Amino acid sequence: MSTQEKRVAIYCRVASADQLSLERQRQSMLRFAKEKGFDDPVEYLDNGQKGTTLYRPAFEQLAGDMLNGKIQTILLKEPSRISRDSHHFQAWLEKVKELGVTVIFQSGEIPNEELQFINSLPHEFIELANGDDDEDTDDLGFAP
């Protein structure tokens, strides 16, 4: 696939099935994309999907498109749009980087020191803080 065929994506997620909240987030991300010089991004939208699971329809479609080399850049409001579990988020981010995909957060960069601190916390503490439901998320949304 040529570089010209690779696209920029926005991913939006809201936990409550609130179409207005999702639309506000979508419009904010489309403005952010335009500010960054990205026209016509591919939109992946999950409405009523919790951040404690990686099994979400649009998220899984995004993961598949990244694996197939269709997405070169993802624009996100903030890390919690991917996962409320910091270990899952960090593992997902590492996988995305392995694929050569760039992630840009509207909320700004996440300092490397912050990610290292998060990873140093015991996983059980993170699960307790996030109210984890012990869901198996080993594949991080990237189906084989």
C-alpha atoms as a PDB file:
ATOM      1  CA  MET A   1       0.000   0.000   0.000  1.00  0.00           C
ATOM      2  CA  SER A   2       1.428   3.371  -0.964  1.00  0.00           C
ATOM      3  CA  THR A   3       1.833   6.223   1.488  1.00  0.00           C
ATOM      4  CA  GLN A   4      -0.871   8.170  -0.363  1.00  0.00           C
ATOM      5  CA  GLU A   5      -3.400   5.409   0.382  1.00  0.00           C
ATOM      6  CA  LYS A   6      -2.744   5.488   4.130  1.00  0.00           C
ATOM      7  CA  ARG A   7      -5.172   7.632   6.046  1.00  0.00           C
ATOM      8  CA  VAL A   8      -5.527   9.682   9.180  1.00  0.00           C
ATOM      9  CA  ALA A   9      -8.149   8.493  11.653  1.00  0.00           C
ATOM     10  CA  ILE A  10     -10.040   9.977  14.557  1.00  0.00           C
ATOM     11  CA  TYR A  11     -11.310   7.694  17.290  1.00  0.00           C
ATOM     12  CA  CYS A  12     -14.087   8.850  19.615  1.00  0.00           C
ATOM     13  CA  ARG A  13     -15.698   6.940  22.465  1.00  0.00           C
ATOM     14  CA  VAL A  14     -18.303   7.816  25.055  1.00  0.00           C
ATOM     15  CA  ALA A  15     -19.377   5.434  27.794  1.00  0.00           C
ATOM     16  CA  SER A  16     -23.008   6.484  27.925  1.00  0.00           C
ATOM     17  CA  ALA A  17     -25.279   6.000  24.939  1.00  0.00           C
ATOM     18  CA  ASP A  18     -25.476   9.749  24.457  1.00  0.00           C
ATOM     19  CA  GLN A  19     -25.433  10.706  20.794  1.00  0.00           C
ATOM     20  CA  LEU A  20     -25.010  14.408  21.633  1.00  0.00           C
ATOM     21  CA  SER A  21     -21.847  13.772  23.693  1.00  0.00           C
ATOM     22  CA  LEU A  22     -20.416  11.607  20.947  1.00  0.00           C
ATOM     23  CA  GLU A  23     -21.214  14.242  18.326  1.00  0.00           C
ATOM     24  CA  ARG A  24     -19.548  16.976  20.402  1.00  0.00           C
ATOM     25  CA  GLN A  25     -16.420  14.854  20.752  1.00  0.00           C
ATOM     26  CA  ARG A  26     -16.517  14.055  17.015  1.00  0.00           C
ATOM     27  CA  GLN A  27     -16.835  17.732  16.043  1.00  0.00           C
ATOM     28  CA  SER A  28     -14.005  18.670  18.412  1.00  0.00           C
ATOM     29  CA  MET A  29     -11.760  16.012  16.888  1.00  0.00           C
ATOM     30  CA  LEU A  30     -12.636  17.058  13.323  1.00  0.00           C
ATOM     31  CA  ARG A  31     -11.634  20.653  14.199  1.00  0.00           C
ATOM     32  CA  PHE A  32      -8.423  19.333  15.774  1.00  0.00           C
ATOM     33  CA  ALA A  33      -7.680  17.307  12.620  1.00  0.00           C
ATOM     34  CA  LYS A  34      -8.178  20.395  10.471  1.00  0.00           C
ATOM     35  CA  GLU A  35      -5.894  22.446  12.775  1.00  0.00           C
ATOM     36  CA  LYS A  36      -3.215  19.769  12.326  1.00  0.00           C
ATOM     37  CA  GLY A  37      -3.613  19.904   8.541  1.00  0.00           C
ATOM     38  CA  PHE A  38      -5.496  16.619   8.160  1.00  0.00           C
ATOM     39  CA  ASP A  39      -8.502  16.773   5.855  1.00  0.00           C
ATOM     40  CA  ASP A  40     -11.197  14.122   5.660  1.00  0.00           C
ATOM     41  CA  PRO A  41     -10.044  11.722   8.408  1.00  0.00           C
ATOM     42  CA  VAL A  42     -11.557   8.265   8.703  1.00  0.00           C
ATOM     43  CA  GLU A  43     -13.972   8.283  11.653  1.00  0.00           C
ATOM     44  CA  TYR A  44     -14.233   5.470  14.187  1.00  0.00           C
ATOM     45  CA  LEU A  45     -17.021   6.138  16.696  1.00  0.00           C
ATOM     46  CA  ASP A  46     -18.050   4.007  19.679  1.00  0.00           C
ATOM     47  CA  ASN A  47     -21.217   5.201  21.421  1.00  0.00           C
ATOM     48  CA  GLY A  48     -22.179   3.680  24.772  1.00  0.00           C
ATOM     49  CA  GLN A  49     -18.916   1.726  25.069  1.00  0.00           C
ATOM     50  CA  LYS A  50     -16.997   1.601  28.352  1.00  0.00           C
ATOM     51  CA  GLY A  51     -13.262   2.234  28.535  1.00  0.00           C
ATOM     52  CA  THR A  52     -12.783  -0.853  30.696  1.00  0.00           C
ATOM     53  CA  THR A  53     -13.096  -3.129  27.665  1.00  0.00           C
ATOM     54  CA  LEU A  54     -11.193  -3.238  24.397  1.00  0.00           C
ATOM     55  CA  TYR A  55     -13.990  -5.168  22.713  1.00  0.00           C
ATOM     56  CA  ARG A  56     -15.759  -2.296  20.989  1.00  0.00           C
ATOM     57  CA  PRO A  57     -16.966  -2.364  17.366  1.00  0.00           C
ATOM     58  CA  ALA A  58     -15.283   0.792  16.041  1.00  0.00           C
ATOM     59  CA  PHE A  59     -12.128   0.195  18.101  1.00  0.00           C
ATOM     60  CA  GLU A  60     -11.791  -3.314  16.652  1.00  0.00           C
ATOM     61  CA  GLN A  61     -12.308  -1.921  13.126  1.00  0.00           C
ATOM     62  CA  LEU A  62      -9.584   0.672  13.772  1.00  0.00           C
ATOM     63  CA  ALA A  63      -7.221  -2.041  15.027  1.00  0.00           C
ATOM     64  CA  GLY A  64      -7.881  -4.133  11.925  1.00  0.00           C
ATOM     65  CA  ASP A  65      -7.272  -1.176   9.634  1.00  0.00           C
ATOM     66  CA  MET A  66      -3.985  -0.429  11.410  1.00  0.00           C
ATOM     67  CA  LEU A  67      -2.902  -4.065  11.059  1.00  0.00           C
ATOM     68  CA  ASN A  68      -3.732  -3.899   7.353  1.00  0.00           C
ATOM     69  CA  GLY A  69      -1.627  -0.751   6.955  1.00  0.00           C
ATOM     70  CA  LYS A  70      -4.562   1.518   6.115  1.00  0.00           C
ATOM     71  CA  ILE A  71      -4.007   4.031   8.947  1.00  0.00           C
ATOM     72  CA  GLN A  72      -0.809   6.016   9.455  1.00  0.00           C
ATOM     73  CA  THR A  73      -1.950   8.508  12.120  1.00  0.00           C
ATOM     74  CA  ILE A  74      -4.609   8.384  14.856  1.00  0.00           C
ATOM     75  CA  LEU A  75      -5.984  11.482  16.525  1.00  0.00           C
ATOM     76  CA  LEU A  76      -7.432  10.998  20.015  1.00  0.00           C
ATOM     77  CA  LYS A  77      -8.962  13.349  22.553  1.00  0.00           C
ATOM     78  CA  GLU A  78      -7.034  11.715  25.403  1.00  0.00           C
ATOM     79  CA  PRO A  79      -5.618   8.302  26.404  1.00  0.00           C
ATOM     80  CA  SER A  80      -8.775   7.268  28.279  1.00  0.00           C
ATOM     81  CA  ARG A  81     -10.635   7.099  24.955  1.00  0.00           C
ATOM     82  CA  ILE A  82      -8.614   3.915  24.308  1.00  0.00           C
ATOM     83  CA  SER A  83      -8.647   2.398  27.783  1.00  0.00           C
ATOM     84  CA  ARG A  84      -9.224   3.321  31.395  1.00  0.00           C
ATOM     85  CA  ASP A  85      -6.701   0.611  32.330  1.00  0.00           C
ATOM     86  CA  SER A  86      -3.258   2.194  32.094  1.00  0.00           C
ATOM     87  CA  HIS A  87      -1.496  -1.147  31.520  1.00  0.00           C
ATOM     88  CA  HIS A  88      -3.797  -1.962  28.612  1.00  0.00           C
ATOM     89  CA  PHE A  89      -3.299   1.535  27.226  1.00  0.00           C
ATOM     90  CA  GLN A  90       0.497   1.276  27.450  1.00  0.00           C
ATOM     91  CA  ALA A  91       0.517  -2.160  25.786  1.00  0.00           C
ATOM     92  CA  TRP A  92      -1.801  -0.868  23.037  1.00  0.00           C
ATOM     93  CA  LEU A  93       0.414   2.186  22.484  1.00  0.00           C
ATOM     94  CA  GLU A  94       3.508  -0.009  22.167  1.00  0.00           C
ATOM     95  CA  LYS A  95       1.739  -2.230  19.609  1.00  0.00           C
ATOM     96  CA  VAL A  96       0.631   0.821  17.623  1.00  0.00           C
ATOM     97  CA  LYS A  97       4.192   2.158  17.590  1.00  0.00           C
ATOM     98  CA  GLU A  98       5.443  -1.258  16.369  1.00  0.00           C
ATOM     99  CA  LEU A  99       3.031  -0.890  13.452  1.00  0.00           C
ATOM    100  CA  GLY A 100       4.533   2.516  12.637  1.00  0.00           C
ATOM    101  CA  VAL A 101       1.332   4.396  13.433  1.00  0.00           C
ATOM    102  CA  THR A 102       1.586   7.877  14.955  1.00  0.00           C
ATOM    103  CA  VAL A 103      -0.761   8.808  17.807  1.00  0.00           C
ATOM    104  CA  ILE A 104      -1.565  12.472  18.455  1.00  0.00           C
ATOM    105  CA  PHE A 105      -3.583  13.493  21.512  1.00  0.00           C
ATOM    106  CA  GLN A 106      -5.718  16.623  21.528  1.00  0.00           C
ATOM    107  CA  SER A 107      -4.933  16.862  25.249  1.00  0.00           C
ATOM    108  CA  GLY A 108      -1.188  16.998  24.480  1.00  0.00           C
ATOM    109  CA  GLU A 109       1.713  14.603  24.732  1.00  0.00           C
ATOM    110  CA  ILE A 110       1.967  12.070  27.528  1.00  0.00           C
ATOM    111  CA  PRO A 111       5.366  12.455  29.152  1.00  0.00           C
ATOM    112  CA  ASN A 112       7.451   9.270  29.023  1.00  0.00           C
ATOM    113  CA  GLU A 113       8.057   9.581  32.776  1.00  0.00           C
ATOM    114  CA  GLU A 114       4.307   9.400  33.399  1.00  0.00           C
ATOM    115  CA  LEU A 115       4.018   6.202  31.372  1.00  0.00           C
ATOM    116  CA  GLN A 116       6.971   4.692  33.240  1.00  0.00           C
ATOM    117  CA  PHE A 117       5.348   5.603  36.562  1.00  0.00           C
ATOM    118  CA  ILE A 118       2.069   4.020  35.522  1.00  0.00           C
ATOM    119  CA  ASN A 119       3.887   0.839  34.510  1.00  0.00           C
ATOM    120  CA  SER A 120       5.694   0.705  37.847  1.00  0.00           C
ATOM    121  CA  LEU A 121       2.401   0.478  39.756  1.00  0.00           C
ATOM    122  CA  PRO A 122       1.202  -3.000  40.691  1.00  0.00           C
ATOM    123  CA  HIS A 123      -1.384  -4.212  38.167  1.00  0.00           C
ATOM    124  CA  GLU A 124      -3.780  -5.087  40.995  1.00  0.00           C
ATOM    125  CA  PHE A 125      -3.709  -1.461  42.189  1.00  0.00           C
ATOM    126  CA  ILE A 126      -4.537  -0.217  38.688  1.00  0.00           C
ATOM    127  CA  GLU A 127      -7.399  -2.722  38.404  1.00  0.00           C
ATOM    128  CA  LEU A 128      -8.801  -1.625  41.763  1.00  0.00           C
ATOM    129  CA  ALA A 129      -8.500   2.076  40.884  1.00  0.00           C
ATOM    130  CA  ASN A 130     -10.159   1.544  37.510  1.00  0.00           C
ATOM    131  CA  GLY A 131     -12.872  -0.815  38.749  1.00  0.00           C
ATOM    132  CA  ASP A 132     -11.595  -3.505  36.341  1.00  0.00           C
ATOM    133  CA  ASP A 133     -14.032  -6.313  35.722  1.00  0.00           C
ATOM    134  CA  ASP A 134     -11.273  -8.905  35.135  1.00  0.00           C
ATOM    135  CA  GLU A 135     -12.031  -8.986  31.422  1.00  0.00           C
ATOM    136  CA  ASP A 136      -9.373 -10.728  29.317  1.00  0.00           C
ATOM    137  CA  THR A 137      -7.886  -8.126  26.987  1.00  0.00           C
ATOM    138  CA  ASP A 138      -4.734  -9.933  25.896  1.00  0.00           C
ATOM    139  CA  ASP A 139      -5.254  -9.228  22.214  1.00  0.00           C
ATOM    140  CA  LEU A 140      -5.569  -5.438  22.798  1.00  0.00           C
ATOM    141  CA  GLY A 141      -8.179  -5.209  20.068  1.00  0.00           C
ATOM    142  CA  PHE A 142      -5.799  -6.579  17.443  1.00  0.00           C
ATOM    143  CA  ALA A 143      -7.382  -9.826  16.233  1.00  0.00           C
ATOM    144  CA  PRO A 144      -4.980 -12.403  14.741  1.00  0.00           C
END
